[in-house]
PDB file of N, CA and C in Angstrom:
ATOM      1  N   UNK A   1     128.975  55.514 113.169  1.00  0.00           N
ATOM      2  CA  UNK A   1     130.209  56.212 112.959  1.00  0.00           C
ATOM      3  C   UNK A   1     131.256  55.299 112.330  1.00  0.00           C
ATOM      4  N   UNK A   2     131.241  54.017 112.646  1.00  0.00           N
ATOM      5  CA  UNK A   2     132.180  53.082 112.049  1.00  0.00           C
ATOM      6  C   UNK A   2     131.880  52.861 110.573  1.00  0.00           C
ATOM      7  N   UNK A   3     130.709  53.193 110.133  1.00  0.00           N
ATOM      8  CA  UNK A   3     130.317  53.020 108.739  1.00  0.00           C
ATOM      9  C   UNK A   3     130.988  54.042 107.812  1.00  0.00           C
ATOM     10  N   UNK A   4     131.545  55.131 108.338  1.00  0.00           N
ATOM     11  CA  UNK A   4     132.129  56.197 107.536  1.00  0.00           C
ATOM     12  C   UNK A   4     133.551  55.887 107.054  1.00  0.00           C
ATOM     13  N   UNK A   5     134.141  54.794 107.463  1.00  0.00           N
ATOM     14  CA  UNK A   5     135.511  54.470 107.069  1.00  0.00           C
ATOM     15  C   UNK A   5     135.561  54.042 105.607  1.00  0.00           C
ATOM     16  N   UNK A   6     136.665  54.379 104.960  1.00  0.00           N
ATOM     17  CA  UNK A   6     136.878  53.983 103.561  1.00  0.00           C
ATOM     18  C   UNK A   6     137.724  52.720 103.555  1.00  0.00           C
ATOM     19  N   UNK A   7     137.291  51.724 102.815  1.00  0.00           N
ATOM     20  CA  UNK A   7     138.016  50.458 102.735  1.00  0.00           C
ATOM     21  C   UNK A   7     138.654  50.324 101.350  1.00  0.00           C
ATOM     22  N   UNK A   8     139.917  49.975 101.341  1.00  0.00           N
ATOM     23  CA  UNK A   8     140.642  49.724 100.093  1.00  0.00           C
ATOM     24  C   UNK A   8     140.589  48.227  99.820  1.00  0.00           C
ATOM     25  N   UNK A   9     140.311  47.833  98.589  1.00  0.00           N
ATOM     26  CA  UNK A   9     140.315  46.403  98.278  1.00  0.00           C
ATOM     27  C   UNK A   9     141.681  45.773  98.588  1.00  0.00           C
ATOM     28  N   UNK A  10     141.667  44.612  99.179  1.00  0.00           N
ATOM     29  CA  UNK A  10     142.907  43.967  99.601  1.00  0.00           C
ATOM     30  C   UNK A  10     143.788  43.601  98.415  1.00  0.00           C
ATOM     31  N   UNK A  11     143.214  43.389  97.262  1.00  0.00           N
ATOM     32  CA  UNK A  11     144.015  42.966  96.120  1.00  0.00           C
ATOM     33  C   UNK A  11     144.819  44.108  95.507  1.00  0.00           C
ATOM     34  N   UNK A  12     144.453  45.365  95.749  1.00  0.00           N
ATOM     35  CA  UNK A  12     145.165  46.469  95.127  1.00  0.00           C
ATOM     36  C   UNK A  12     145.659  47.503  96.130  1.00  0.00           C
ATOM     37  N   UNK A  13     145.567  47.255  97.368  1.00  0.00           N
ATOM     38  CA  UNK A  13     146.016  48.215  98.362  1.00  0.00           C
ATOM     39  C   UNK A  13     147.528  48.348  98.378  1.00  0.00           C
ATOM     40  N   UNK A  14     148.047  49.548  98.203  1.00  0.00           N
ATOM     41  CA  UNK A  14     149.484  49.803  98.280  1.00  0.00           C
ATOM     42  C   UNK A  14     150.252  49.553  97.009  1.00  0.00           C
ATOM     43  N   UNK A  15     149.600  49.196  95.924  1.00  0.00           N
ATOM     44  CA  UNK A  15     150.322  48.957  94.682  1.00  0.00           C
ATOM     45  C   UNK A  15     150.687  50.286  94.026  1.00  0.00           C
ATOM     46  N   UNK A  16     151.914  50.353  93.519  1.00  0.00           N
ATOM     47  CA  UNK A  16     152.388  51.546  92.826  1.00  0.00           C
ATOM     48  C   UNK A  16     152.871  51.120  91.452  1.00  0.00           C
ATOM     49  N   UNK A  17     152.504  51.853  90.444  1.00  0.00           N
ATOM     50  CA  UNK A  17     152.931  51.542  89.083  1.00  0.00           C
ATOM     51  C   UNK A  17     154.086  52.483  88.731  1.00  0.00           C
ATOM     52  N   UNK A  18     155.309  52.018  88.944  1.00  0.00           N
ATOM     53  CA  UNK A  18     156.484  52.861  88.767  1.00  0.00           C
ATOM     54  C   UNK A  18     156.749  53.193  87.305  1.00  0.00           C
ATOM     55  N   UNK A  19     156.410  52.306  86.388  1.00  0.00           N
ATOM     56  CA  UNK A  19     156.728  52.545  84.984  1.00  0.00           C
ATOM     57  C   UNK A  19     155.958  53.731  84.413  1.00  0.00           C
ATOM     58  N   UNK A  20     154.923  54.161  85.070  1.00  0.00           N
ATOM     59  CA  UNK A  20     154.177  55.316  84.597  1.00  0.00           C
ATOM     60  C   UNK A  20     154.739  56.627  85.147  1.00  0.00           C
ATOM     61  N   UNK A  21     155.561  56.551  86.187  1.00  0.00           N
ATOM     62  CA  UNK A  21     156.037  57.754  86.848  1.00  0.00           C
ATOM     63  C   UNK A  21     157.279  58.354  86.194  1.00  0.00           C
ATOM     64  N   UNK A  22     158.151  57.543  85.625  1.00  0.00           N
ATOM     65  CA  UNK A  22     159.373  58.082  85.046  1.00  0.00           C
ATOM     66  C   UNK A  22     159.742  57.313  83.788  1.00  0.00           C
ATOM     67  N   UNK A  23     160.484  57.961  82.940  1.00  0.00           N
ATOM     68  CA  UNK A  23     160.937  57.367  81.683  1.00  0.00           C
ATOM     69  C   UNK A  23     162.451  57.492  81.626  1.00  0.00           C
ATOM     70  N   UNK A  24     163.142  56.428  81.270  1.00  0.00           N
ATOM     71  CA  UNK A  24     164.586  56.438  81.185  1.00  0.00           C
ATOM     72  C   UNK A  24     165.042  57.260  79.981  1.00  0.00           C
ATOM     73  N   UNK A  25     166.129  57.992  80.160  1.00  0.00           N
ATOM     74  CA  UNK A  25     166.668  58.793  79.067  1.00  0.00           C
ATOM     75  C   UNK A  25     167.454  57.941  78.076  1.00  0.00           C
ATOM     76  N   UNK A  26     168.037  56.836  78.568  1.00  0.00           N
ATOM     77  CA  UNK A  26     168.832  55.953  77.718  1.00  0.00           C
ATOM     78  C   UNK A  26     168.104  54.621  77.611  1.00  0.00           C
ATOM     79  N   UNK A  27     167.779  54.236  76.395  1.00  0.00           N
ATOM     80  CA  UNK A  27     167.138  52.949  76.168  1.00  0.00           C
ATOM     81  C   UNK A  27     167.987  52.150  75.185  1.00  0.00           C
ATOM     82  N   UNK A  28     168.382  50.954  75.589  1.00  0.00           N
ATOM     83  CA  UNK A  28     169.194  50.076  74.753  1.00  0.00           C
ATOM     84  C   UNK A  28     168.373  48.886  74.302  1.00  0.00           C
ATOM     85  N   UNK A  29     168.564  48.527  73.051  1.00  0.00           N
ATOM     86  CA  UNK A  29     167.971  47.289  72.572  1.00  0.00           C
ATOM     87  C   UNK A  29     168.830  46.141  73.099  1.00  0.00           C
ATOM     88  N   UNK A  30     168.260  44.957  73.242  1.00  0.00           N
ATOM     89  CA  UNK A  30     169.054  43.819  73.726  1.00  0.00           C
ATOM     90  C   UNK A  30     170.269  43.522  72.845  1.00  0.00           C
ATOM     91  N   UNK A  31     170.130  43.735  71.524  1.00  0.00           N
ATOM     92  CA  UNK A  31     171.246  43.486  70.617  1.00  0.00           C
ATOM     93  C   UNK A  31     172.408  44.434  70.899  1.00  0.00           C
ATOM     94  N   UNK A  32     172.099  45.687  71.204  1.00  0.00           N
ATOM     95  CA  UNK A  32     173.151  46.664  71.485  1.00  0.00           C
ATOM     96  C   UNK A  32     173.841  46.351  72.809  1.00  0.00           C
ATOM     97  N   UNK A  33     173.086  45.925  73.800  1.00  0.00           N
ATOM     98  CA  UNK A  33     173.681  45.564  75.085  1.00  0.00           C
ATOM     99  C   UNK A  33     174.597  44.358  74.929  1.00  0.00           C
ATOM    100  N   UNK A  34     174.175  43.372  74.154  1.00  0.00           N
ATOM    101  CA  UNK A  34     175.009  42.195  73.909  1.00  0.00           C
ATOM    102  C   UNK A  34     176.284  42.578  73.173  1.00  0.00           C
ATOM    103  N   UNK A  35     176.177  43.463  72.188  1.00  0.00           N
ATOM    104  CA  UNK A  35     177.350  43.930  71.444  1.00  0.00           C
ATOM    105  C   UNK A  35     178.336  44.631  72.378  1.00  0.00           C
ATOM    106  N   UNK A  36     177.846  45.462  73.283  1.00  0.00           N
ATOM    107  CA  UNK A  36     178.730  46.154  74.217  1.00  0.00           C
ATOM    108  C   UNK A  36     179.445  45.175  75.148  1.00  0.00           C
ATOM    109  N   UNK A  37     178.732  44.144  75.597  1.00  0.00           N
ATOM    110  CA  UNK A  37     179.346  43.145  76.479  1.00  0.00           C
ATOM    111  C   UNK A  37     180.449  42.395  75.744  1.00  0.00           C
ATOM    112  N   UNK A  38     180.179  41.980  74.499  1.00  0.00           N
ATOM    113  CA  UNK A  38     181.186  41.264  73.710  1.00  0.00           C
ATOM    114  C   UNK A  38     182.374  42.170  73.448  1.00  0.00           C
ATOM    115  N   UNK A  39     182.138  43.431  73.149  1.00  0.00           N
ATOM    116  CA  UNK A  39     183.218  44.383  72.891  1.00  0.00           C
ATOM    117  C   UNK A  39     184.104  44.559  74.124  1.00  0.00           C
ATOM    118  N   UNK A  40     183.506  44.643  75.292  1.00  0.00           N
ATOM    119  CA  UNK A  40     184.287  44.787  76.528  1.00  0.00           C
ATOM    120  C   UNK A  40     185.099  43.530  76.805  1.00  0.00           C
ATOM    121  N   UNK A  41     184.522  42.359  76.547  1.00  0.00           N
ATOM    122  CA  UNK A  41     185.265  41.103  76.749  1.00  0.00           C
ATOM    123  C   UNK A  41     186.462  41.032  75.809  1.00  0.00           C
ATOM    124  N   UNK A  42     186.249  41.376  74.535  1.00  0.00           N
ATOM    125  CA  UNK A  42     187.357  41.362  73.572  1.00  0.00           C
ATOM    126  C   UNK A  42     188.440  42.364  73.955  1.00  0.00           C
ATOM    127  N   UNK A  43     188.053  43.541  74.408  1.00  0.00           N
ATOM    128  CA  UNK A  43     189.024  44.539  74.843  1.00  0.00           C
ATOM    129  C   UNK A  43     189.827  44.027  76.028  1.00  0.00           C
ATOM    130  N   UNK A  44     189.168  43.352  76.948  1.00  0.00           N
ATOM    131  CA  UNK A  44     189.853  42.787  78.110  1.00  0.00           C
ATOM    132  C   UNK A  44     190.866  41.716  77.683  1.00  0.00           C
ATOM    133  N   UNK A  45     190.487  40.856  76.727  1.00  0.00           N
ATOM    134  CA  UNK A  45     191.398  39.821  76.240  1.00  0.00           C
ATOM    135  C   UNK A  45     192.610  40.450  75.550  1.00  0.00           C
ATOM    136  N   UNK A  46     192.374  41.443  74.703  1.00  0.00           N
ATOM    137  CA  UNK A  46     193.471  42.114  73.991  1.00  0.00           C
ATOM    138  C   UNK A  46     194.415  42.794  74.987  1.00  0.00           C
ATOM    139  N   UNK A  47     193.875  43.481  75.958  1.00  0.00           N
ATOM    140  CA  UNK A  47     194.724  44.139  76.956  1.00  0.00           C
ATOM    141  C   UNK A  47     195.494  43.124  77.793  1.00  0.00           C
ATOM    142  N   UNK A  48     194.878  41.985  78.068  1.00  0.00           N
ATOM    143  CA  UNK A  48     195.581  40.945  78.829  1.00  0.00           C
ATOM    144  C   UNK A  48     196.764  40.403  78.026  1.00  0.00           C
ATOM    145  N   UNK A  49     196.540  40.122  76.738  1.00  0.00           N
ATOM    146  CA  UNK A  49     197.637  39.633  75.888  1.00  0.00           C
ATOM    147  C   UNK A  49     198.724  40.671  75.738  1.00  0.00           C
ATOM    148  N   UNK A  50     198.348  41.910  75.536  1.00  0.00           N
ATOM    149  CA  UNK A  50     199.343  42.983  75.370  1.00  0.00           C
ATOM    150  C   UNK A  50     200.146  43.160  76.647  1.00  0.00           C
ATOM    151  N   UNK A  51     199.485  43.131  77.763  1.00  0.00           N
ATOM    152  CA  UNK A  51     200.178  43.298  79.035  1.00  0.00           C
ATOM    153  C   UNK A  51     201.092  42.131  79.350  1.00  0.00           C
ATOM    154  N   UNK A  52     200.664  40.925  79.024  1.00  0.00           N
ATOM    155  CA  UNK A  52     201.488  39.730  79.290  1.00  0.00           C
ATOM    156  C   UNK A  52     202.727  39.742  78.403  1.00  0.00           C
ATOM    157  N   UNK A  53     202.604  40.144  77.141  1.00  0.00           N
ATOM    158  CA  UNK A  53     203.755  40.212  76.238  1.00  0.00           C
ATOM    159  C   UNK A  53     204.722  41.301  76.638  1.00  0.00           C
ATOM    160  N   UNK A  54     204.219  42.423  77.114  1.00  0.00           N
ATOM    161  CA  UNK A  54     205.056  43.536  77.483  1.00  0.00           C
ATOM    162  C   UNK A  54     205.841  43.242  78.756  1.00  0.00           C
ATOM    163  N   UNK A  55     205.243  42.477  79.664  1.00  0.00           N
ATOM    164  CA  UNK A  55     205.907  42.152  80.922  1.00  0.00           C
ATOM    165  C   UNK A  55     206.784  40.908  80.810  1.00  0.00           C
ATOM    166  N   UNK A  56     206.691  40.196  79.689  1.00  0.00           N
ATOM    167  CA  UNK A  56     207.496  39.003  79.507  1.00  0.00           C
ATOM    168  C   UNK A  56     206.969  37.803  80.266  1.00  0.00           C
ATOM    169  N   UNK A  57     205.700  37.794  80.555  1.00  0.00           N
ATOM    170  CA  UNK A  57     205.097  36.674  81.310  1.00  0.00           C
ATOM    171  C   UNK A  57     204.668  35.583  80.361  1.00  0.00           C
TER     172      UNK A  57
END
């Protein structure tokens, strides 16, 4: 009766391949992500300068 058990190989037991289950709707190239980061940094610098000049700091 003990012979009827199913054994899963220890090297692959419990592994799930998530990349096959879902696909992202938005995909960015690394160049586009870098451009967005630089754009946000520049916007932050411009707003900081504008705010400092307006407040007289």
